[in-house]
N, C-alpha and C. Protein backbone atom coordinates (compact mmCIF):
# COMPACT_ATOMS: atom_id res chain seq x y z
N MET A 1 -36.18 78.64 -61.01
CA MET A 1 -36.47 78.05 -59.71
C MET A 1 -36.08 76.58 -59.63
N GLY A 2 -35.96 75.92 -60.78
CA GLY A 2 -35.64 74.50 -60.77
C GLY A 2 -36.77 73.65 -60.27
N SER A 3 -38.02 74.14 -60.40
CA SER A 3 -39.18 73.42 -59.90
C SER A 3 -40.12 73.11 -61.06
N SER A 4 -40.80 71.97 -60.96
CA SER A 4 -41.78 71.62 -61.99
C SER A 4 -43.06 72.43 -61.82
N MET A 5 -43.24 73.05 -60.67
CA MET A 5 -44.43 73.85 -60.40
C MET A 5 -44.16 75.31 -60.78
N ASP A 6 -45.18 75.97 -61.31
CA ASP A 6 -45.10 77.41 -61.57
C ASP A 6 -44.75 78.10 -60.25
N LYS A 7 -43.73 78.97 -60.27
CA LYS A 7 -43.29 79.58 -59.01
C LYS A 7 -44.37 80.41 -58.34
N LEU A 8 -45.35 80.90 -59.12
CA LEU A 8 -46.43 81.67 -58.52
C LEU A 8 -47.27 80.84 -57.57
N PHE A 9 -47.24 79.51 -57.76
CA PHE A 9 -48.05 78.63 -56.94
C PHE A 9 -47.24 77.92 -55.85
N LEU A 10 -45.97 78.29 -55.69
CA LEU A 10 -45.20 77.80 -54.56
C LEU A 10 -45.75 78.44 -53.29
N GLU A 11 -45.80 77.68 -52.22
CA GLU A 11 -46.46 78.15 -51.00
C GLU A 11 -45.50 78.87 -50.07
N ALA A 12 -45.99 79.95 -49.48
CA ALA A 12 -45.27 80.67 -48.43
C ALA A 12 -46.31 81.23 -47.47
N ALA A 13 -46.07 81.05 -46.19
CA ALA A 13 -46.98 81.56 -45.16
C ALA A 13 -48.42 81.11 -45.40
N GLY A 14 -48.59 79.86 -45.82
CA GLY A 14 -49.91 79.27 -45.90
C GLY A 14 -50.69 79.52 -47.17
N ARG A 15 -50.10 80.23 -48.13
CA ARG A 15 -50.79 80.52 -49.39
C ARG A 15 -49.80 80.45 -50.55
N PRO A 16 -50.29 80.19 -51.77
CA PRO A 16 -49.42 80.36 -52.94
C PRO A 16 -48.95 81.81 -53.03
N ILE A 17 -47.76 82.00 -53.54
CA ILE A 17 -47.18 83.34 -53.67
C ILE A 17 -48.16 84.31 -54.32
N VAL A 18 -48.74 83.91 -55.45
CA VAL A 18 -49.61 84.83 -56.18
C VAL A 18 -50.89 85.15 -55.41
N ALA A 19 -51.31 84.27 -54.52
CA ALA A 19 -52.50 84.56 -53.70
C ALA A 19 -52.23 85.71 -52.74
N HIS A 20 -51.01 85.78 -52.21
CA HIS A 20 -50.65 86.93 -51.36
C HIS A 20 -50.69 88.22 -52.17
N THR A 21 -50.11 88.17 -53.37
CA THR A 21 -50.09 89.36 -54.23
C THR A 21 -51.51 89.81 -54.54
N TRP A 22 -52.33 88.88 -54.95
CA TRP A 22 -53.73 89.16 -55.29
C TRP A 22 -54.47 89.73 -54.08
N ALA A 23 -54.23 89.15 -52.92
CA ALA A 23 -54.93 89.58 -51.71
C ALA A 23 -54.66 91.04 -51.38
N HIS A 24 -53.42 91.50 -51.58
CA HIS A 24 -53.10 92.91 -51.31
C HIS A 24 -53.94 93.83 -52.20
N PHE A 25 -54.07 93.48 -53.47
CA PHE A 25 -54.83 94.32 -54.39
C PHE A 25 -56.33 94.17 -54.17
N ASP A 26 -56.76 92.99 -53.79
CA ASP A 26 -58.18 92.78 -53.50
C ASP A 26 -58.62 93.61 -52.30
N ALA A 27 -57.72 93.76 -51.33
CA ALA A 27 -58.06 94.50 -50.11
C ALA A 27 -57.83 96.00 -50.22
N ALA A 28 -57.10 96.43 -51.24
CA ALA A 28 -56.72 97.85 -51.33
C ALA A 28 -57.92 98.70 -51.75
N SER A 29 -58.28 99.67 -50.93
CA SER A 29 -59.43 100.52 -51.24
C SER A 29 -59.19 101.42 -52.44
N CYS A 30 -57.93 101.62 -52.80
CA CYS A 30 -57.59 102.48 -53.94
C CYS A 30 -57.66 101.73 -55.28
N VAL A 31 -57.98 100.44 -55.25
CA VAL A 31 -58.05 99.62 -56.46
C VAL A 31 -59.51 99.24 -56.71
N ASP A 32 -59.98 99.47 -57.94
CA ASP A 32 -61.38 99.19 -58.27
C ASP A 32 -61.57 97.84 -58.96
N GLU A 33 -60.62 97.43 -59.77
CA GLU A 33 -60.75 96.18 -60.51
C GLU A 33 -59.36 95.59 -60.72
N ILE A 34 -59.33 94.29 -61.00
CA ILE A 34 -58.07 93.57 -61.17
C ILE A 34 -58.12 92.79 -62.48
N VAL A 35 -57.07 92.94 -63.28
CA VAL A 35 -56.89 92.15 -64.49
C VAL A 35 -55.64 91.30 -64.28
N ILE A 36 -55.80 90.00 -64.41
CA ILE A 36 -54.68 89.09 -64.18
C ILE A 36 -54.27 88.47 -65.51
N VAL A 37 -53.02 88.69 -65.88
CA VAL A 37 -52.49 88.15 -67.14
C VAL A 37 -51.88 86.79 -66.84
N VAL A 38 -52.40 85.76 -67.50
CA VAL A 38 -52.02 84.38 -67.17
C VAL A 38 -51.56 83.63 -68.42
N ARG A 39 -50.85 82.56 -68.19
CA ARG A 39 -50.51 81.65 -69.27
C ARG A 39 -51.76 80.91 -69.71
N ASP A 40 -51.97 80.77 -71.01
CA ASP A 40 -53.17 80.12 -71.51
C ASP A 40 -53.27 78.70 -70.95
N GLY A 41 -54.45 78.35 -70.51
CA GLY A 41 -54.68 77.04 -69.91
C GLY A 41 -54.68 77.07 -68.40
N MET A 42 -54.24 78.21 -67.79
CA MET A 42 -54.17 78.29 -66.33
C MET A 42 -55.32 79.10 -65.74
N GLN A 43 -56.27 79.51 -66.57
CA GLN A 43 -57.38 80.32 -66.06
C GLN A 43 -58.12 79.59 -64.94
N GLY A 44 -58.31 78.28 -65.09
CA GLY A 44 -59.01 77.51 -64.06
C GLY A 44 -58.28 77.50 -62.74
N ASP A 45 -56.94 77.45 -62.79
CA ASP A 45 -56.16 77.47 -61.55
C ASP A 45 -56.35 78.78 -60.80
N PHE A 46 -56.43 79.87 -61.54
CA PHE A 46 -56.61 81.17 -60.90
C PHE A 46 -58.05 81.36 -60.41
N GLU A 47 -59.01 80.81 -61.14
CA GLU A 47 -60.39 80.86 -60.66
C GLU A 47 -60.52 80.09 -59.34
N GLU A 48 -59.81 78.99 -59.23
CA GLU A 48 -59.84 78.23 -57.99
C GLU A 48 -59.24 79.03 -56.84
N LEU A 49 -58.18 79.80 -57.12
CA LEU A 49 -57.62 80.67 -56.09
C LEU A 49 -58.67 81.67 -55.61
N ALA A 50 -59.39 82.27 -56.56
CA ALA A 50 -60.41 83.26 -56.18
C ALA A 50 -61.46 82.63 -55.28
N ARG A 51 -61.85 81.39 -55.58
CA ARG A 51 -62.85 80.72 -54.74
C ARG A 51 -62.26 80.34 -53.37
N GLN A 52 -61.05 79.82 -53.41
CA GLN A 52 -60.43 79.33 -52.17
C GLN A 52 -60.22 80.46 -51.16
N PHE A 53 -59.80 81.62 -51.66
CA PHE A 53 -59.46 82.72 -50.74
C PHE A 53 -60.52 83.82 -50.74
N ASP A 54 -61.63 83.56 -51.42
CA ASP A 54 -62.81 84.43 -51.34
C ASP A 54 -62.48 85.88 -51.73
N PHE A 55 -61.77 86.02 -52.84
CA PHE A 55 -61.47 87.37 -53.32
C PHE A 55 -62.75 88.02 -53.83
N LYS A 56 -62.99 89.25 -53.46
CA LYS A 56 -64.26 89.92 -53.69
C LYS A 56 -64.26 90.85 -54.90
N LYS A 57 -63.12 91.43 -55.19
CA LYS A 57 -63.08 92.51 -56.18
C LYS A 57 -63.29 91.98 -57.60
N THR A 58 -63.93 92.79 -58.43
CA THR A 58 -64.12 92.44 -59.84
C THR A 58 -62.78 92.09 -60.47
N HIS A 59 -62.73 90.94 -61.13
CA HIS A 59 -61.48 90.53 -61.76
C HIS A 59 -61.78 89.81 -63.07
N ARG A 60 -60.80 89.83 -63.96
CA ARG A 60 -60.90 89.09 -65.21
C ARG A 60 -59.52 88.59 -65.59
N PHE A 61 -59.47 87.59 -66.44
CA PHE A 61 -58.21 86.98 -66.86
C PHE A 61 -57.95 87.26 -68.33
N VAL A 62 -56.69 87.48 -68.64
CA VAL A 62 -56.24 87.74 -70.01
C VAL A 62 -55.03 86.86 -70.27
N VAL A 63 -54.95 86.30 -71.46
CA VAL A 63 -53.80 85.48 -71.81
C VAL A 63 -52.60 86.37 -72.13
N GLY A 64 -51.44 86.01 -71.62
CA GLY A 64 -50.22 86.79 -71.82
C GLY A 64 -49.66 86.66 -73.22
N GLY A 65 -48.61 87.43 -73.49
CA GLY A 65 -47.95 87.42 -74.79
C GLY A 65 -46.55 86.84 -74.69
N ALA A 66 -45.81 86.96 -75.79
CA ALA A 66 -44.47 86.37 -75.86
C ALA A 66 -43.49 87.06 -74.92
N GLU A 67 -43.62 88.36 -74.75
CA GLU A 67 -42.72 89.15 -73.90
C GLU A 67 -43.55 89.90 -72.87
N ARG A 68 -42.86 90.41 -71.84
CA ARG A 68 -43.55 91.17 -70.79
C ARG A 68 -44.37 92.30 -71.39
N GLN A 69 -43.78 93.04 -72.33
CA GLN A 69 -44.48 94.19 -72.89
C GLN A 69 -45.75 93.77 -73.63
N ASP A 70 -45.74 92.58 -74.22
CA ASP A 70 -46.94 92.07 -74.89
C ASP A 70 -48.01 91.69 -73.87
N SER A 71 -47.59 91.12 -72.75
CA SER A 71 -48.54 90.76 -71.69
C SER A 71 -49.17 92.01 -71.09
N VAL A 72 -48.36 93.05 -70.88
CA VAL A 72 -48.90 94.31 -70.36
C VAL A 72 -49.90 94.90 -71.35
N TRP A 73 -49.57 94.86 -72.62
CA TRP A 73 -50.48 95.37 -73.65
C TRP A 73 -51.81 94.63 -73.61
N ASN A 74 -51.75 93.31 -73.50
CA ASN A 74 -52.98 92.51 -73.43
C ASN A 74 -53.79 92.87 -72.19
N GLY A 75 -53.09 93.08 -71.06
CA GLY A 75 -53.79 93.48 -69.85
C GLY A 75 -54.45 94.84 -69.98
N LEU A 76 -53.75 95.79 -70.58
CA LEU A 76 -54.31 97.13 -70.78
C LEU A 76 -55.55 97.08 -71.66
N SER A 77 -55.56 96.17 -72.60
CA SER A 77 -56.69 96.05 -73.53
C SER A 77 -57.95 95.56 -72.82
N ALA A 78 -57.80 95.02 -71.60
CA ALA A 78 -58.93 94.43 -70.89
C ALA A 78 -59.45 95.29 -69.75
N ILE A 79 -58.80 96.43 -69.46
CA ILE A 79 -59.27 97.26 -68.36
C ILE A 79 -60.53 98.01 -68.77
N SER A 80 -61.29 98.47 -67.79
CA SER A 80 -62.53 99.19 -68.07
C SER A 80 -62.25 100.49 -68.81
N PRO A 81 -63.13 100.89 -69.72
CA PRO A 81 -62.92 102.12 -70.49
C PRO A 81 -62.76 103.36 -69.62
N GLN A 82 -63.40 103.37 -68.45
CA GLN A 82 -63.34 104.55 -67.58
C GLN A 82 -62.09 104.58 -66.70
N ALA A 83 -61.24 103.56 -66.77
CA ALA A 83 -60.04 103.52 -65.93
C ALA A 83 -59.11 104.68 -66.27
N GLU A 84 -58.62 105.35 -65.25
CA GLU A 84 -57.70 106.47 -65.43
C GLU A 84 -56.27 106.12 -65.05
N ILE A 85 -56.11 105.24 -64.06
CA ILE A 85 -54.80 104.86 -63.54
C ILE A 85 -54.69 103.34 -63.56
N VAL A 86 -53.52 102.83 -63.93
CA VAL A 86 -53.29 101.39 -63.89
C VAL A 86 -52.00 101.12 -63.13
N ALA A 87 -52.05 100.18 -62.20
CA ALA A 87 -50.87 99.75 -61.44
C ALA A 87 -50.49 98.35 -61.93
N ILE A 88 -49.29 98.21 -62.45
CA ILE A 88 -48.83 96.95 -63.02
C ILE A 88 -47.92 96.26 -62.00
N GLN A 89 -48.29 95.03 -61.65
CA GLN A 89 -47.63 94.34 -60.55
C GLN A 89 -47.13 92.96 -60.98
N ASP A 90 -45.91 92.60 -60.56
CA ASP A 90 -45.42 91.24 -60.74
C ASP A 90 -46.16 90.31 -59.78
N GLY A 91 -46.73 89.23 -60.31
CA GLY A 91 -47.40 88.26 -59.44
C GLY A 91 -46.45 87.63 -58.44
N ALA A 92 -45.16 87.57 -58.79
CA ALA A 92 -44.16 86.94 -57.92
C ALA A 92 -43.55 87.91 -56.92
N ARG A 93 -44.17 89.08 -56.76
CA ARG A 93 -43.69 90.06 -55.77
C ARG A 93 -44.82 90.26 -54.76
N PRO A 94 -44.91 89.41 -53.72
CA PRO A 94 -46.09 89.34 -52.87
C PRO A 94 -46.11 90.26 -51.65
N CYS A 95 -45.13 91.13 -51.49
CA CYS A 95 -45.05 91.93 -50.26
C CYS A 95 -45.44 93.39 -50.46
N ALA A 96 -45.89 93.76 -51.65
CA ALA A 96 -46.31 95.15 -51.90
C ALA A 96 -47.66 95.37 -51.23
N ASP A 97 -47.68 96.13 -50.14
CA ASP A 97 -48.92 96.30 -49.39
C ASP A 97 -49.70 97.53 -49.86
N GLU A 98 -50.85 97.76 -49.24
CA GLU A 98 -51.74 98.82 -49.71
C GLU A 98 -51.08 100.20 -49.64
N SER A 99 -50.26 100.45 -48.65
CA SER A 99 -49.64 101.77 -48.54
C SER A 99 -48.73 102.05 -49.73
N LEU A 100 -47.99 101.05 -50.18
CA LEU A 100 -47.11 101.23 -51.33
C LEU A 100 -47.92 101.36 -52.62
N ILE A 101 -48.95 100.53 -52.77
CA ILE A 101 -49.82 100.62 -53.95
C ILE A 101 -50.42 102.02 -54.03
N ALA A 102 -50.96 102.50 -52.91
CA ALA A 102 -51.61 103.82 -52.89
C ALA A 102 -50.62 104.93 -53.18
N ALA A 103 -49.40 104.81 -52.68
CA ALA A 103 -48.39 105.85 -52.91
C ALA A 103 -48.03 105.96 -54.39
N THR A 104 -47.92 104.82 -55.07
CA THR A 104 -47.60 104.88 -56.50
C THR A 104 -48.78 105.43 -57.30
N ILE A 105 -50.01 105.10 -56.88
CA ILE A 105 -51.19 105.63 -57.57
C ILE A 105 -51.25 107.14 -57.43
N ALA A 106 -51.02 107.65 -56.23
CA ALA A 106 -51.04 109.09 -56.01
C ALA A 106 -49.98 109.80 -56.83
N ALA A 107 -48.78 109.21 -56.89
CA ALA A 107 -47.69 109.82 -57.66
C ALA A 107 -48.00 109.80 -59.15
N ALA A 108 -48.54 108.70 -59.65
CA ALA A 108 -48.87 108.60 -61.07
C ALA A 108 -49.99 109.57 -61.44
N ARG A 109 -50.95 109.73 -60.54
CA ARG A 109 -52.03 110.68 -60.81
C ARG A 109 -51.48 112.10 -60.96
N ALA A 110 -50.46 112.40 -60.15
CA ALA A 110 -49.88 113.76 -60.16
C ALA A 110 -48.91 113.98 -61.32
N THR A 111 -48.14 112.95 -61.67
CA THR A 111 -47.04 113.15 -62.62
C THR A 111 -47.17 112.36 -63.92
N GLY A 112 -48.04 111.37 -63.95
CA GLY A 112 -48.20 110.55 -65.14
C GLY A 112 -47.63 109.17 -65.02
N ALA A 113 -46.55 109.02 -64.25
CA ALA A 113 -45.89 107.71 -64.13
C ALA A 113 -45.11 107.64 -62.83
N ALA A 114 -45.14 106.47 -62.18
CA ALA A 114 -44.42 106.27 -60.92
C ALA A 114 -44.04 104.81 -60.78
N VAL A 115 -43.01 104.57 -59.99
CA VAL A 115 -42.56 103.19 -59.78
C VAL A 115 -42.08 103.01 -58.35
N ALA A 116 -42.44 101.87 -57.75
CA ALA A 116 -41.87 101.51 -56.46
C ALA A 116 -40.41 101.16 -56.67
N ALA A 117 -39.56 101.62 -55.77
CA ALA A 117 -38.12 101.41 -55.94
C ALA A 117 -37.42 101.49 -54.59
N GLN A 118 -36.21 100.93 -54.54
CA GLN A 118 -35.39 101.06 -53.34
C GLN A 118 -34.00 101.54 -53.73
N ARG A 119 -33.43 102.35 -52.85
CA ARG A 119 -32.09 102.84 -53.08
C ARG A 119 -31.08 101.69 -53.06
N VAL A 120 -30.11 101.75 -53.94
CA VAL A 120 -29.05 100.75 -53.95
C VAL A 120 -28.08 101.07 -52.82
N THR A 121 -27.83 100.10 -51.95
CA THR A 121 -26.94 100.32 -50.81
C THR A 121 -25.61 99.59 -50.94
N ASP A 122 -25.53 98.59 -51.82
CA ASP A 122 -24.27 97.88 -52.04
C ASP A 122 -23.31 98.73 -52.85
N THR A 123 -22.01 98.49 -52.67
CA THR A 123 -21.03 99.08 -53.56
C THR A 123 -21.17 98.43 -54.94
N ILE A 124 -21.22 99.25 -55.98
CA ILE A 124 -21.47 98.76 -57.34
C ILE A 124 -20.22 98.97 -58.19
N LYS A 125 -19.84 97.94 -58.91
CA LYS A 125 -18.70 98.02 -59.84
C LYS A 125 -19.16 97.63 -61.24
N GLU A 126 -18.57 98.25 -62.25
CA GLU A 126 -18.79 97.86 -63.63
C GLU A 126 -17.63 96.99 -64.07
N SER A 127 -17.95 95.88 -64.75
CA SER A 127 -16.89 94.98 -65.20
C SER A 127 -16.34 95.43 -66.56
N ASP A 128 -15.26 94.78 -66.96
CA ASP A 128 -14.69 95.05 -68.28
C ASP A 128 -15.33 94.18 -69.36
N GLY A 129 -16.43 93.54 -69.02
CA GLY A 129 -17.07 92.61 -69.93
C GLY A 129 -16.76 91.18 -69.57
N GLY A 130 -15.81 91.01 -68.67
CA GLY A 130 -15.43 89.69 -68.19
C GLY A 130 -15.51 89.65 -66.69
N ASN A 131 -14.43 89.16 -66.05
CA ASN A 131 -14.43 89.00 -64.60
C ASN A 131 -13.52 89.99 -63.87
N ARG A 132 -13.25 91.11 -64.50
CA ARG A 132 -12.40 92.12 -63.86
C ARG A 132 -13.14 93.44 -63.73
N ILE A 133 -12.83 94.15 -62.66
CA ILE A 133 -13.46 95.44 -62.42
C ILE A 133 -12.89 96.48 -63.38
N ALA A 134 -13.79 97.21 -64.03
CA ALA A 134 -13.37 98.29 -64.91
C ALA A 134 -13.43 99.64 -64.19
N ARG A 135 -14.48 99.84 -63.41
CA ARG A 135 -14.59 101.13 -62.71
C ARG A 135 -15.61 101.03 -61.59
N ASN A 136 -15.54 101.96 -60.68
CA ASN A 136 -16.51 102.10 -59.61
C ASN A 136 -17.70 102.91 -60.12
N VAL A 137 -18.91 102.56 -59.69
CA VAL A 137 -20.13 103.28 -60.07
C VAL A 137 -20.67 103.99 -58.85
N ASP A 138 -20.98 105.28 -59.01
CA ASP A 138 -21.53 106.07 -57.91
C ASP A 138 -22.93 105.56 -57.57
N ARG A 139 -23.08 104.96 -56.40
CA ARG A 139 -24.37 104.37 -56.03
C ARG A 139 -25.36 105.41 -55.52
N SER A 140 -24.93 106.63 -55.27
CA SER A 140 -25.82 107.61 -54.64
C SER A 140 -27.02 107.96 -55.52
N ARG A 141 -26.91 107.69 -56.82
CA ARG A 141 -28.00 108.02 -57.73
C ARG A 141 -28.67 106.76 -58.30
N LEU A 142 -28.35 105.60 -57.72
CA LEU A 142 -28.86 104.34 -58.25
C LEU A 142 -30.04 103.82 -57.42
N TRP A 143 -31.05 103.32 -58.13
CA TRP A 143 -32.24 102.75 -57.50
C TRP A 143 -32.53 101.40 -58.15
N SER A 144 -33.06 100.49 -57.37
CA SER A 144 -33.49 99.19 -57.86
C SER A 144 -35.00 99.24 -58.13
N MET A 145 -35.39 98.92 -59.37
CA MET A 145 -36.80 99.01 -59.75
C MET A 145 -37.59 97.82 -59.21
N GLN A 146 -38.82 98.11 -58.78
CA GLN A 146 -39.73 97.08 -58.27
C GLN A 146 -41.10 97.27 -58.94
N THR A 147 -42.12 96.71 -58.36
CA THR A 147 -43.49 96.99 -58.75
C THR A 147 -44.31 97.20 -57.48
N PRO A 148 -45.40 97.97 -57.55
CA PRO A 148 -46.12 98.39 -58.74
C PRO A 148 -45.38 99.45 -59.56
N GLN A 149 -45.57 99.35 -60.88
CA GLN A 149 -45.22 100.42 -61.81
C GLN A 149 -46.55 100.97 -62.28
N THR A 150 -46.80 102.24 -61.99
CA THR A 150 -48.15 102.79 -62.05
C THR A 150 -48.19 104.01 -62.97
N PHE A 151 -49.28 104.11 -63.76
CA PHE A 151 -49.33 105.11 -64.83
C PHE A 151 -50.74 105.63 -65.04
N ARG A 152 -50.82 106.84 -65.55
CA ARG A 152 -52.06 107.24 -66.20
C ARG A 152 -52.21 106.33 -67.42
N VAL A 153 -53.41 105.89 -67.67
CA VAL A 153 -53.62 104.89 -68.72
C VAL A 153 -53.13 105.39 -70.07
N GLU A 154 -53.40 106.66 -70.40
CA GLU A 154 -52.99 107.16 -71.72
C GLU A 154 -51.48 107.24 -71.84
N VAL A 155 -50.78 107.41 -70.71
CA VAL A 155 -49.32 107.48 -70.74
C VAL A 155 -48.72 106.12 -71.09
N ILE A 156 -49.11 105.06 -70.38
CA ILE A 156 -48.50 103.76 -70.64
C ILE A 156 -48.95 103.21 -71.99
N ARG A 157 -50.17 103.50 -72.40
CA ARG A 157 -50.59 103.06 -73.74
C ARG A 157 -49.73 103.73 -74.82
N GLY A 158 -49.53 105.03 -74.68
CA GLY A 158 -48.71 105.74 -75.66
C GLY A 158 -47.28 105.24 -75.67
N ALA A 159 -46.75 104.94 -74.49
CA ALA A 159 -45.37 104.45 -74.40
C ALA A 159 -45.23 103.09 -75.08
N LEU A 160 -46.20 102.22 -74.84
CA LEU A 160 -46.12 100.88 -75.44
C LEU A 160 -46.39 100.90 -76.93
N VAL A 161 -47.21 101.84 -77.40
CA VAL A 161 -47.37 102.00 -78.84
C VAL A 161 -46.04 102.35 -79.48
N ALA A 162 -45.29 103.25 -78.85
CA ALA A 162 -43.97 103.63 -79.37
C ALA A 162 -43.02 102.44 -79.40
N VAL A 163 -43.05 101.61 -78.34
CA VAL A 163 -42.21 100.41 -78.30
C VAL A 163 -42.57 99.46 -79.44
N ARG A 164 -43.86 99.25 -79.63
CA ARG A 164 -44.31 98.33 -80.67
C ARG A 164 -43.99 98.85 -82.06
N GLU A 165 -44.18 100.14 -82.29
CA GLU A 165 -43.90 100.71 -83.60
C GLU A 165 -42.42 100.59 -83.96
N ARG A 166 -41.55 100.70 -82.95
CA ARG A 166 -40.11 100.62 -83.20
C ARG A 166 -39.55 99.21 -83.05
N ARG A 167 -40.45 98.27 -82.72
CA ARG A 167 -40.08 96.86 -82.57
C ARG A 167 -38.92 96.68 -81.59
N LEU A 168 -39.06 97.37 -80.46
CA LEU A 168 -38.05 97.30 -79.42
C LEU A 168 -38.47 96.28 -78.36
N HIS A 169 -37.50 95.88 -77.53
CA HIS A 169 -37.77 95.00 -76.39
C HIS A 169 -37.37 95.75 -75.13
N VAL A 170 -38.32 95.90 -74.20
CA VAL A 170 -38.02 96.57 -72.94
C VAL A 170 -38.30 95.60 -71.80
N THR A 171 -37.50 95.70 -70.75
CA THR A 171 -37.62 94.75 -69.64
C THR A 171 -38.55 95.24 -68.54
N ASP A 172 -38.92 96.52 -68.58
CA ASP A 172 -39.94 97.00 -67.65
C ASP A 172 -40.66 98.17 -68.28
N ASP A 173 -41.75 98.57 -67.65
CA ASP A 173 -42.64 99.56 -68.25
C ASP A 173 -42.08 100.97 -68.16
N THR A 174 -41.22 101.23 -67.18
CA THR A 174 -40.63 102.56 -67.08
C THR A 174 -39.70 102.82 -68.27
N ALA A 175 -39.08 101.78 -68.81
CA ALA A 175 -38.21 101.94 -69.98
C ALA A 175 -39.01 102.42 -71.18
N ALA A 176 -40.25 101.97 -71.29
CA ALA A 176 -41.12 102.44 -72.36
C ALA A 176 -41.41 103.93 -72.20
N CYS A 177 -41.58 104.38 -70.96
CA CYS A 177 -41.82 105.81 -70.70
C CYS A 177 -40.60 106.65 -71.07
N GLU A 178 -39.41 106.13 -70.78
CA GLU A 178 -38.19 106.85 -71.14
C GLU A 178 -38.13 107.09 -72.64
N LEU A 179 -38.65 106.12 -73.41
CA LEU A 179 -38.61 106.21 -74.87
C LEU A 179 -39.40 107.40 -75.38
N ILE A 180 -40.49 107.76 -74.70
CA ILE A 180 -41.32 108.89 -75.17
C ILE A 180 -41.06 110.15 -74.36
N GLY A 181 -40.03 110.13 -73.52
CA GLY A 181 -39.69 111.32 -72.75
C GLY A 181 -40.57 111.59 -71.55
N GLN A 182 -41.31 110.58 -71.10
CA GLN A 182 -42.17 110.72 -69.92
C GLN A 182 -41.36 110.49 -68.66
N SER A 183 -41.34 111.47 -67.78
CA SER A 183 -40.63 111.30 -66.52
C SER A 183 -41.38 110.32 -65.63
N VAL A 184 -40.64 109.61 -64.79
CA VAL A 184 -41.20 108.62 -63.90
C VAL A 184 -40.76 108.94 -62.48
N GLU A 185 -41.71 109.10 -61.58
CA GLU A 185 -41.39 109.43 -60.18
C GLU A 185 -41.02 108.16 -59.42
N LEU A 186 -39.93 108.23 -58.68
CA LEU A 186 -39.51 107.13 -57.82
C LEU A 186 -40.26 107.21 -56.49
N VAL A 187 -40.94 106.12 -56.14
CA VAL A 187 -41.65 106.03 -54.86
C VAL A 187 -40.89 105.03 -54.00
N GLU A 188 -40.24 105.53 -52.96
CA GLU A 188 -39.37 104.65 -52.18
C GLU A 188 -40.17 103.65 -51.36
N ALA A 189 -39.87 102.38 -51.56
CA ALA A 189 -40.45 101.31 -50.74
C ALA A 189 -39.70 101.29 -49.42
N THR A 190 -40.39 101.55 -48.34
CA THR A 190 -39.73 101.69 -47.04
C THR A 190 -39.56 100.36 -46.32
N VAL A 191 -40.24 99.31 -46.82
CA VAL A 191 -40.05 97.97 -46.27
C VAL A 191 -39.67 97.06 -47.44
N PRO A 192 -39.05 95.91 -47.16
CA PRO A 192 -38.62 95.03 -48.25
C PRO A 192 -39.78 94.61 -49.16
N ASN A 193 -39.50 94.56 -50.46
CA ASN A 193 -40.51 94.24 -51.46
C ASN A 193 -39.90 93.33 -52.52
N PRO A 194 -39.36 92.16 -52.10
CA PRO A 194 -38.60 91.32 -53.02
C PRO A 194 -39.49 90.52 -53.96
N LYS A 195 -38.86 90.00 -55.02
CA LYS A 195 -39.52 89.15 -56.00
C LYS A 195 -38.98 87.73 -55.85
N VAL A 196 -39.85 86.74 -55.98
CA VAL A 196 -39.41 85.34 -55.94
C VAL A 196 -38.69 85.02 -57.24
N THR A 197 -37.40 84.77 -57.15
CA THR A 197 -36.60 84.47 -58.34
C THR A 197 -35.87 83.14 -58.20
N THR A 198 -35.32 82.87 -57.01
CA THR A 198 -34.58 81.64 -56.77
C THR A 198 -35.16 80.94 -55.54
N PRO A 199 -34.88 79.64 -55.34
CA PRO A 199 -35.39 78.95 -54.15
C PRO A 199 -34.99 79.62 -52.85
N ALA A 200 -33.83 80.26 -52.82
CA ALA A 200 -33.37 80.91 -51.60
C ALA A 200 -34.25 82.09 -51.20
N ASP A 201 -35.03 82.62 -52.14
CA ASP A 201 -35.91 83.75 -51.83
C ASP A 201 -37.10 83.35 -50.97
N LEU A 202 -37.53 82.10 -51.07
CA LEU A 202 -38.78 81.69 -50.43
C LEU A 202 -38.78 81.82 -48.90
N PRO A 203 -37.74 81.32 -48.19
CA PRO A 203 -37.77 81.47 -46.73
C PRO A 203 -37.80 82.92 -46.28
N TYR A 204 -37.06 83.78 -46.97
CA TYR A 204 -37.03 85.20 -46.62
C TYR A 204 -38.40 85.83 -46.86
N ILE A 205 -39.01 85.54 -48.00
CA ILE A 205 -40.31 86.11 -48.31
C ILE A 205 -41.38 85.58 -47.35
N GLU A 206 -41.29 84.32 -46.99
CA GLU A 206 -42.23 83.78 -46.02
C GLU A 206 -42.10 84.52 -44.69
N TRP A 207 -40.89 84.79 -44.26
CA TRP A 207 -40.66 85.53 -43.01
C TRP A 207 -41.28 86.92 -43.09
N LEU A 208 -41.11 87.57 -44.23
CA LEU A 208 -41.70 88.91 -44.41
C LEU A 208 -43.23 88.84 -44.38
N LEU A 209 -43.79 87.86 -45.05
CA LEU A 209 -45.25 87.72 -45.09
C LEU A 209 -45.84 87.43 -43.71
N GLN A 210 -45.03 86.83 -42.85
CA GLN A 210 -45.48 86.53 -41.49
C GLN A 210 -45.24 87.70 -40.55
N GLY A 211 -44.80 88.82 -41.10
CA GLY A 211 -44.62 90.02 -40.29
C GLY A 211 -43.20 90.32 -39.89
N GLY A 212 -42.24 89.54 -40.37
CA GLY A 212 -40.84 89.79 -40.04
C GLY A 212 -40.34 91.10 -40.58
N GLY A 213 -39.53 91.79 -39.81
CA GLY A 213 -38.90 93.02 -40.26
C GLY A 213 -39.77 94.26 -40.19
N ARG A 214 -41.02 94.12 -39.67
CA ARG A 214 -41.89 95.31 -39.61
C ARG A 214 -41.90 95.88 -38.21
């Protein structure tokens, strides 16, 4: 982002990005508790968010790990023993509303694993490793992965155990499921669900949070 501030605390539509994300899960009737994985030392900043925006749902904070998969593992270790389904969400993806969260939960309950995703609509090319096109890629079977990525708890725990035992690095939780042969259902996000990655994303996300495009 090129900013001295944590991107989760950049403001859009009157709130920090992560406050919008948290608010969706706090309001979702299909969610019973929230575990927020944070950088050590930032627990106070997140507690202040909870007070400022009056979040009601039971929540707790866990310190993250060196890699995404380590942070997810730490988060899983903090959920209630009776939890059956877990929805894993990027804090920097603030437009996932209750309907999308609920759809992934329903799919994961039925199949074991589900992910919010959108069909790829751009023409896709594979390079030769440099700056030249090597071949065209059939986009009809391509999807862009988003979050929530939602699982039966025993499924994602088993998948991450396999990743840890093999000392692998995965960039998302569905890749861990692929490792153990667990199928993952694609849940199509019917409205934009972008992640804040670059400064150019902020105006677009703010427009979406204000109701644009709905």
